[in-house]
Every structure is written in C-alpha cells, then in structure tokens.
Amino acid sequence: IKIANTKLKRKVKSMQVFHKSVDQVSAGDRAGICVTQFDAKLLERGLVYTGDTVQMVHAFIIDLHKVPYYKGSVTSKTKYHISVGHETVLGRLTFFSSPTKENGVEFSFENRYEFEESFPEEKDSGGVFALLELENAVQCVPNSMVIISRLDMDINSPTCRLAFWGRIQHSITSPSYTTDDSLSGLKVYKTKEREGIAERMNDEYTVIVKDLFKKETDIDLFTHLRVELSTGESGKIEGSFGNSGKCKVNVPEGLGDVAKDFLDKKKKKGGGGERVTVKLTFKRFLFDKKKQMLQ
C-alpha cells in the first residue's frame, strides 16, 4: 500500500476485520492492517491506497450545489475553505454554468459554458459548476465529495458557515496548470459588448465607426466579427481606418434609408443631429491563450 502525505510504500503483512484474519478488504470495510517498517505516529488520520487511486490535486472542477441555509455573498474569484478527504485548504472559486438545457447537468469538455459573476440561484437544480484553484495541493480520490465553507465567520453567529457542496468531475494534477495546457480545453466564456458611433458613410455599403475601439487596440483581432447598427442593419468589421481607433464596417445588404438619412443630416450639420450606434457582441474564453473572440 501507499500512505498518503508520507510518500511511503509499505508491504501488508496481515489484515483483520473484527479480529478475524482476512485476505482482502474493500471500500467501506473497517479493518486493521499490519504493515512492515512503519511508525504509526506518522499517520494520525489520512488515506492509504494501492496503485494510483489517490492523486495530488492542485485544482479541480466540481458540480456545484448551494447549501440553502447559507446567506453570505457568493461571487466568483472569492476565496473559501475547501474540504476534501481529510484536508481543508483555502481555494478560489470560478462559477460557470450550462447556457442551455441541451448541455445537460453532466460536465463535459465538449460543451461551452457561461461564466457567472455570482452563483446563479435559478440554475441550482443542475448544470452549475465551479473551478476550484487551491492554495495548497491536496490528495484525494476521483469523484470525492467536496464541502465549501467560510470557516472564518464568527462561530458565535447564528448563520450557517457551509456554503456549497459537490463532487469532483475533473482533477488537475499539474502544479503549473495556470501556464501549461491543463485548462485550455475548458470552454468558459464571458459575453462582452462594445458600442461605437457611425461617424460617416463612405458609400452605400461602408460606414466609418468611431469609439468602438481604443487607439491602442489591435483591430485585426476583431476583423470579420459581426456588428449591429441601431437602424437595423448588420455588418462586419473590415479593418482599421487611420490610427485613431476608428474602423471600417461593411454592410453587405447596403444601408437603409433611415441610416442614410441620419448620416446625411450629421454630415450637413457638422456632427450634430441623430446618432447611429454600432454594437459589437462577442464571446471571449477565459482559458484560451490566444484570446480569440467568437460569436
């Protein structure tokens, strides 16, 4: 057997269950085990195992369920006390959920998930998950129960300190998981929006847009993304226009009469009059090293 936390491997001499010698034991049995050359004082409480059953885990993904009696704030990136197996460590939570019921309530790297700023109470029946990043690695077995709490709360307070519970869906064993590819397959996205103003009409199919990007933004990263004009047309970003953060938007179906009228009035009045706004909505994946934008 291997003895967790000691990194020792020892041979089993004999085993007993209720003072009777046995040849094997299984999960749930209460057994006495005699091993060779081991100081029992080294292990007051912990895990013994065979093979690679127990892993040293630096982060994991769990299916998340809220304890209904917990009334504290629940926001992503907050630190909680994480209890798994016989250990409790501090860890940071990142909430995410299935955007559609078609994804089901089982976690899969094949699915895309929506980042949640706070725990979505309306989805507590299933489909809510959390990435737990631990300050110190722990040893645990797959599918272990995890309890998330705020043990720093006043023990004399009449409030519940247990916040969440769940089971491990995926373990991350690499100590350098934040820089290697351990999380690259986790498709958690944030929906972002930007809004600019149609400054002028180049021709019936092209609009020059300002205030959609900052001067230092690499607009090439946004090329070919779809935008919506407040007058109803759809277009695509063609590229930058000058060096001040402006961009060109192509409207394949052509500008409508309303948009033309607004932009024409603006030109005649030297910038006054009604504004045609241009909205860009896209998804950015949290763990994508390329920082690609998708729609």
Protein backbone atom coordinates (compact mmCIF):
# COMPACT_ATOMS: atom_id res chain seq x y z
CA ILE A 1 0.00 0.00 0.00
CA LYS A 2 0.92 3.66 -0.39
CA ILE A 3 0.43 6.00 2.54
CA ALA A 4 -0.82 9.44 1.59
CA ASN A 5 1.13 12.52 2.74
CA THR A 6 4.18 10.42 3.68
CA LYS A 7 5.06 9.25 0.14
CA LEU A 8 5.87 5.85 1.67
CA LYS A 9 5.16 2.47 0.13
CA ARG A 10 4.91 -0.50 2.50
CA LYS A 11 4.12 -4.21 2.31
CA VAL A 12 0.99 -5.50 4.08
CA LYS A 13 1.79 -8.42 6.41
CA SER A 14 -1.75 -9.20 7.55
CA MET A 15 -5.29 -7.83 7.81
CA GLN A 16 -8.13 -8.30 10.26
CA VAL A 17 -11.81 -7.39 10.26
CA PHE A 18 -13.39 -7.60 13.72
CA HIS A 19 -10.43 -9.67 14.99
CA LYS A 20 -10.72 -12.19 12.19
CA SER A 21 -7.96 -12.59 9.64
CA VAL A 22 -8.97 -11.84 6.04
CA ASP A 23 -7.23 -11.92 2.65
CA GLN A 24 -8.89 -8.83 1.22
CA VAL A 25 -10.85 -5.73 2.20
CA SER A 26 -12.86 -3.30 0.10
CA ALA A 27 -14.22 0.24 0.33
CA GLY A 28 -16.37 0.67 3.42
CA ASP A 29 -14.75 -2.12 5.46
CA ARG A 30 -13.36 -1.35 8.91
CA ALA A 31 -10.09 -3.18 9.04
CA GLY A 32 -6.84 -3.42 10.95
CA ILE A 33 -3.76 -3.56 8.73
CA CYS A 34 -0.29 -4.62 9.82
CA VAL A 35 2.46 -3.17 7.63
CA THR A 36 6.21 -3.54 7.75
CA GLN A 37 8.63 -0.87 8.96
CA PHE A 38 6.14 1.92 9.55
CA ASP A 39 5.88 4.27 12.51
CA ALA A 40 2.17 4.61 13.26
CA LYS A 41 2.82 8.05 14.80
CA LEU A 42 3.43 9.39 11.30
CA LEU A 43 -0.24 8.97 10.38
CA GLU A 44 -2.97 10.04 12.76
CA ARG A 45 -5.60 10.36 10.05
CA GLY A 46 -5.35 10.05 6.29
CA LEU A 47 -5.51 7.79 3.28
CA VAL A 48 -3.86 4.52 2.36
CA TYR A 49 -4.28 3.16 -1.14
CA THR A 50 -2.98 0.93 -3.90
CA GLY A 51 -1.90 1.84 -7.42
CA ASP A 52 -2.65 5.44 -8.45
CA THR A 53 -6.05 5.67 -6.77
CA VAL A 54 -5.13 8.84 -4.87
CA GLN A 55 -3.88 11.89 -6.77
CA MET A 56 -2.10 15.05 -5.71
CA VAL A 57 -4.52 17.69 -6.96
CA HIS A 58 -3.85 21.43 -7.43
CA ALA A 59 -7.28 22.33 -8.81
CA PHE A 60 -10.49 20.59 -9.77
CA ILE A 61 -13.89 21.09 -11.34
CA ILE A 62 -16.98 20.15 -9.35
CA ASP A 63 -20.72 20.14 -9.92
CA LEU A 64 -21.95 22.82 -7.55
CA HIS A 65 -24.91 22.90 -5.18
CA LYS A 66 -25.65 25.65 -2.69
CA VAL A 67 -26.48 24.94 0.94
CA PRO A 68 -29.87 26.69 1.28
CA TYR A 69 -29.14 27.93 4.80
CA TYR A 70 -26.05 29.86 3.72
CA LYS A 71 -26.89 33.56 3.36
CA GLY A 72 -23.46 35.07 2.64
CA SER A 73 -22.40 36.67 -0.64
CA VAL A 74 -21.39 34.23 -3.37
CA THR A 75 -19.27 35.74 -6.13
CA SER A 76 -16.67 34.31 -8.49
CA LYS A 77 -12.98 34.71 -7.63
CA THR A 78 -13.81 34.68 -3.89
CA LYS A 79 -11.71 32.53 -1.54
CA TYR A 80 -13.39 29.83 0.52
CA HIS A 81 -12.29 26.96 2.74
CA ILE A 82 -12.24 23.77 0.66
CA SER A 83 -12.64 20.45 2.50
CA VAL A 84 -11.93 17.22 0.63
CA GLY A 85 -10.94 13.91 2.18
CA HIS A 86 -9.20 14.69 5.47
CA GLU A 87 -7.83 18.07 4.43
CA THR A 88 -9.09 21.66 4.42
CA VAL A 89 -7.30 24.35 2.44
CA LEU A 90 -8.08 27.78 1.04
CA GLY A 91 -9.15 27.97 -2.58
CA ARG A 92 -10.61 30.37 -5.13
CA LEU A 93 -13.88 29.61 -6.93
CA THR A 94 -14.84 30.44 -10.50
CA PHE A 95 -18.52 29.78 -11.26
CA PHE A 96 -19.79 28.70 -14.68
CA SER A 97 -22.98 27.11 -15.98
CA SER A 98 -24.60 25.43 -18.96
CA PRO A 99 -26.23 28.16 -21.09
CA THR A 100 -28.80 25.71 -22.48
CA LYS A 101 -30.66 22.70 -21.10
CA GLU A 102 -29.40 20.65 -24.06
CA ASN A 103 -25.97 20.53 -22.39
CA GLY A 104 -27.49 18.57 -19.52
CA VAL A 105 -26.24 18.59 -15.96
CA GLU A 106 -23.15 16.44 -16.51
CA PHE A 107 -19.82 18.21 -17.01
CA SER A 108 -18.07 17.67 -20.34
CA PHE A 109 -15.10 19.34 -22.02
CA GLU A 110 -17.12 19.13 -25.25
CA ASN A 111 -19.59 21.74 -24.01
CA ARG A 112 -19.31 25.51 -23.83
CA TYR A 113 -20.12 27.16 -20.52
CA GLU A 114 -21.06 30.66 -19.49
CA PHE A 115 -19.04 32.47 -16.83
CA GLU A 116 -21.12 33.53 -13.83
CA GLU A 117 -20.19 36.59 -11.76
CA SER A 118 -22.18 35.13 -8.88
CA PHE A 119 -23.89 31.84 -8.13
CA PRO A 120 -26.99 31.56 -10.39
CA GLU A 121 -29.75 30.68 -7.93
CA GLU A 122 -32.22 29.93 -10.73
CA LYS A 123 -30.00 27.10 -12.04
CA ASP A 124 -29.39 25.35 -8.71
CA SER A 125 -31.26 22.25 -9.91
CA GLY A 126 -28.25 21.31 -12.05
CA GLY A 127 -25.82 22.50 -14.70
CA VAL A 128 -23.79 24.77 -12.39
CA PHE A 129 -20.09 24.05 -11.94
CA ALA A 130 -17.05 25.63 -10.33
CA LEU A 131 -13.32 25.60 -10.92
CA LEU A 132 -11.59 25.40 -7.54
CA GLU A 133 -7.98 26.59 -7.51
CA LEU A 134 -6.26 25.51 -4.30
CA GLU A 135 -3.56 27.43 -2.44
CA ASN A 136 -2.01 24.11 -1.38
CA ALA A 137 -2.30 20.79 -3.21
CA VAL A 138 -4.38 18.04 -1.57
CA GLN A 139 -4.56 14.28 -2.02
CA CYS A 140 -7.96 12.92 -2.98
CA VAL A 141 -9.68 10.21 -4.95
CA PRO A 142 -11.80 10.75 -8.10
CA ASN A 143 -15.45 11.70 -7.52
CA SER A 144 -14.69 12.78 -3.94
CA MET A 145 -17.23 14.87 -2.05
CA VAL A 146 -16.14 18.49 -1.65
CA ILE A 147 -17.51 20.87 1.01
CA ILE A 148 -17.01 24.61 0.56
CA SER A 149 -17.37 26.84 3.60
CA ARG A 150 -16.49 30.14 5.26
CA LEU A 151 -14.80 28.97 8.44
CA ASP A 152 -13.50 32.49 9.09
CA MET A 153 -17.02 33.61 10.02
CA ASP A 154 -17.80 34.21 13.69
CA ILE A 155 -18.55 30.83 15.32
CA ASN A 156 -20.97 32.56 17.71
CA SER A 157 -23.01 33.93 14.83
CA PRO A 158 -26.33 32.12 14.20
CA THR A 159 -25.56 31.93 10.46
CA CYS A 160 -24.60 28.81 8.51
CA ARG A 161 -20.92 28.65 7.51
CA LEU A 162 -21.30 25.82 4.97
CA ALA A 163 -21.84 27.40 1.56
CA PHE A 164 -21.64 24.71 -1.19
CA TRP A 165 -21.08 21.05 -1.81
CA GLY A 166 -20.40 18.93 -4.88
CA ARG A 167 -18.40 16.06 -6.32
CA ILE A 168 -15.18 16.22 -8.30
CA GLN A 169 -15.82 15.96 -12.04
CA HIS A 170 -12.25 16.53 -13.19
CA SER A 171 -8.95 16.77 -11.31
CA ILE A 172 -5.98 18.92 -12.36
CA THR A 173 -2.72 17.40 -11.17
CA SER A 174 -0.18 19.67 -12.86
CA PRO A 175 1.38 22.21 -10.45
CA SER A 176 1.89 24.59 -13.40
CA TYR A 177 -1.71 24.32 -14.65
CA THR A 178 -2.04 28.10 -14.98
CA THR A 179 0.71 28.24 -17.61
CA ASP A 180 0.50 24.86 -19.36
CA ASP A 181 -2.43 23.39 -21.32
CA SER A 182 -4.30 21.84 -18.38
CA LEU A 183 -7.17 24.33 -18.66
CA SER A 184 -7.07 25.02 -22.39
CA GLY A 185 -9.90 22.58 -23.04
CA LEU A 186 -12.22 24.25 -20.53
CA LYS A 187 -14.56 26.35 -22.68
CA VAL A 188 -15.82 29.00 -20.26
CA TYR A 189 -16.69 32.29 -21.91
CA LYS A 190 -17.66 35.81 -20.98
CA THR A 191 -20.07 37.72 -23.19
CA LYS A 192 -18.71 41.18 -23.91
CA GLU A 193 -20.27 44.20 -25.61
CA ARG A 194 -18.82 47.31 -27.19
CA GLU A 195 -20.65 50.23 -28.69
CA GLY A 196 -19.43 52.84 -31.15
CA ILE A 197 -20.88 55.57 -33.33
CA ALA A 198 -21.20 55.60 -37.10
CA GLU A 199 -19.21 58.74 -37.92
CA ARG A 200 -19.88 58.89 -41.64
CA MET A 201 -20.89 56.91 -44.69
CA ASN A 202 -18.09 56.11 -47.14
CA ASP A 203 -20.52 54.67 -49.64
CA GLU A 204 -23.80 52.78 -49.59
CA TYR A 205 -22.07 49.66 -48.21
CA THR A 206 -19.33 51.09 -45.97
CA VAL A 207 -19.51 53.01 -42.70
CA ILE A 208 -16.66 54.56 -40.71
CA VAL A 209 -17.15 53.88 -37.00
CA LYS A 210 -15.52 55.66 -34.05
CA ASP A 211 -15.39 54.93 -30.28
CA LEU A 212 -15.77 51.20 -30.80
CA PHE A 213 -12.08 50.63 -30.04
CA LYS A 214 -9.30 52.45 -28.25
CA LYS A 215 -6.41 53.90 -30.18
CA GLU A 216 -4.01 51.17 -29.00
CA THR A 217 -6.40 48.25 -29.77
CA ASP A 218 -5.26 45.73 -32.38
CA ILE A 219 -8.35 45.91 -34.60
CA ASP A 220 -7.11 42.99 -36.72
CA LEU A 221 -8.22 40.68 -33.86
CA PHE A 222 -11.81 41.84 -34.44
CA THR A 223 -11.81 41.68 -38.24
CA HIS A 224 -14.83 39.86 -39.72
CA LEU A 225 -16.83 39.99 -36.46
CA ARG A 226 -20.50 40.87 -36.89
CA VAL A 227 -21.94 44.19 -35.67
CA GLU A 228 -25.47 45.55 -35.45
CA LEU A 229 -26.46 49.09 -36.35
CA SER A 230 -29.17 50.84 -34.31
CA THR A 231 -31.06 51.36 -37.57
CA GLY A 232 -31.42 47.60 -38.05
CA GLU A 233 -28.64 46.71 -40.49
CA SER A 234 -26.00 44.04 -39.87
CA GLY A 235 -22.41 44.42 -40.93
CA LYS A 236 -18.90 43.07 -40.48
CA ILE A 237 -15.74 44.80 -39.36
CA GLU A 238 -13.36 45.11 -42.32
CA GLY A 239 -10.34 46.60 -40.56
CA SER A 240 -8.90 49.77 -39.11
CA PHE A 241 -9.33 53.24 -40.58
CA GLY A 242 -6.43 55.53 -39.76
CA ASN A 243 -4.53 55.37 -36.47
CA SER A 244 -7.08 56.78 -34.03
CA GLY A 245 -9.03 53.58 -33.28
CA LYS A 246 -11.64 54.03 -36.00
CA CYS A 247 -12.72 51.08 -38.14
CA LYS A 248 -14.49 50.32 -41.38
CA VAL A 249 -17.72 48.32 -41.31
CA ASN A 250 -19.07 46.62 -44.41
CA VAL A 251 -22.85 46.33 -44.68
CA PRO A 252 -23.47 43.59 -47.30
CA GLU A 253 -27.14 44.42 -47.82
CA GLY A 254 -26.45 48.13 -48.03
CA LEU A 255 -27.53 50.92 -45.71
CA GLY A 256 -31.24 51.59 -45.39
CA ASP A 257 -32.91 54.92 -45.97
CA VAL A 258 -33.12 55.70 -42.24
CA ALA A 259 -29.37 55.18 -41.71
CA LYS A 260 -28.55 57.19 -44.82
CA ASP A 261 -30.81 59.99 -43.67
CA PHE A 262 -29.23 60.15 -40.19
CA LEU A 263 -25.68 60.10 -41.54
CA ASP A 264 -26.51 62.64 -44.23
CA LYS A 265 -28.01 65.04 -41.66
CA LYS A 266 -24.98 64.57 -39.42
CA LYS A 267 -22.67 65.45 -42.30
CA LYS A 268 -24.64 68.58 -43.17
CA LYS A 269 -24.83 69.73 -39.53
CA GLY A 270 -21.14 69.08 -38.91
CA GLY A 271 -21.58 66.36 -36.31
CA GLY A 272 -24.93 67.23 -34.76
CA GLY A 273 -28.29 65.51 -35.09
CA GLU A 274 -29.27 61.90 -34.52
CA ARG A 275 -26.63 59.23 -33.92
CA VAL A 276 -26.40 55.79 -35.47
CA THR A 277 -24.81 53.47 -32.92
CA VAL A 278 -22.91 50.30 -33.78
CA LYS A 279 -22.92 47.42 -31.29
CA LEU A 280 -20.37 44.60 -31.19
CA THR A 281 -21.19 41.50 -29.11
CA PHE A 282 -18.70 38.65 -28.81
CA LYS A 283 -17.54 35.83 -26.57
CA ARG A 284 -14.06 35.59 -25.07
CA PHE A 285 -12.93 32.34 -23.50
CA LEU A 286 -11.24 32.70 -20.12
CA PHE A 287 -8.66 29.96 -20.60
CA ASP A 288 -7.86 30.48 -24.28
CA LYS A 289 -4.22 31.57 -24.52
CA LYS A 290 -4.82 33.03 -27.99
CA LYS A 291 -7.53 35.34 -26.59
CA GLN A 292 -9.71 34.76 -29.64
CA MET A 293 -13.10 36.41 -30.00
CA LEU A 294 -16.01 34.31 -31.21
CA GLN A 295 -19.67 34.98 -31.91
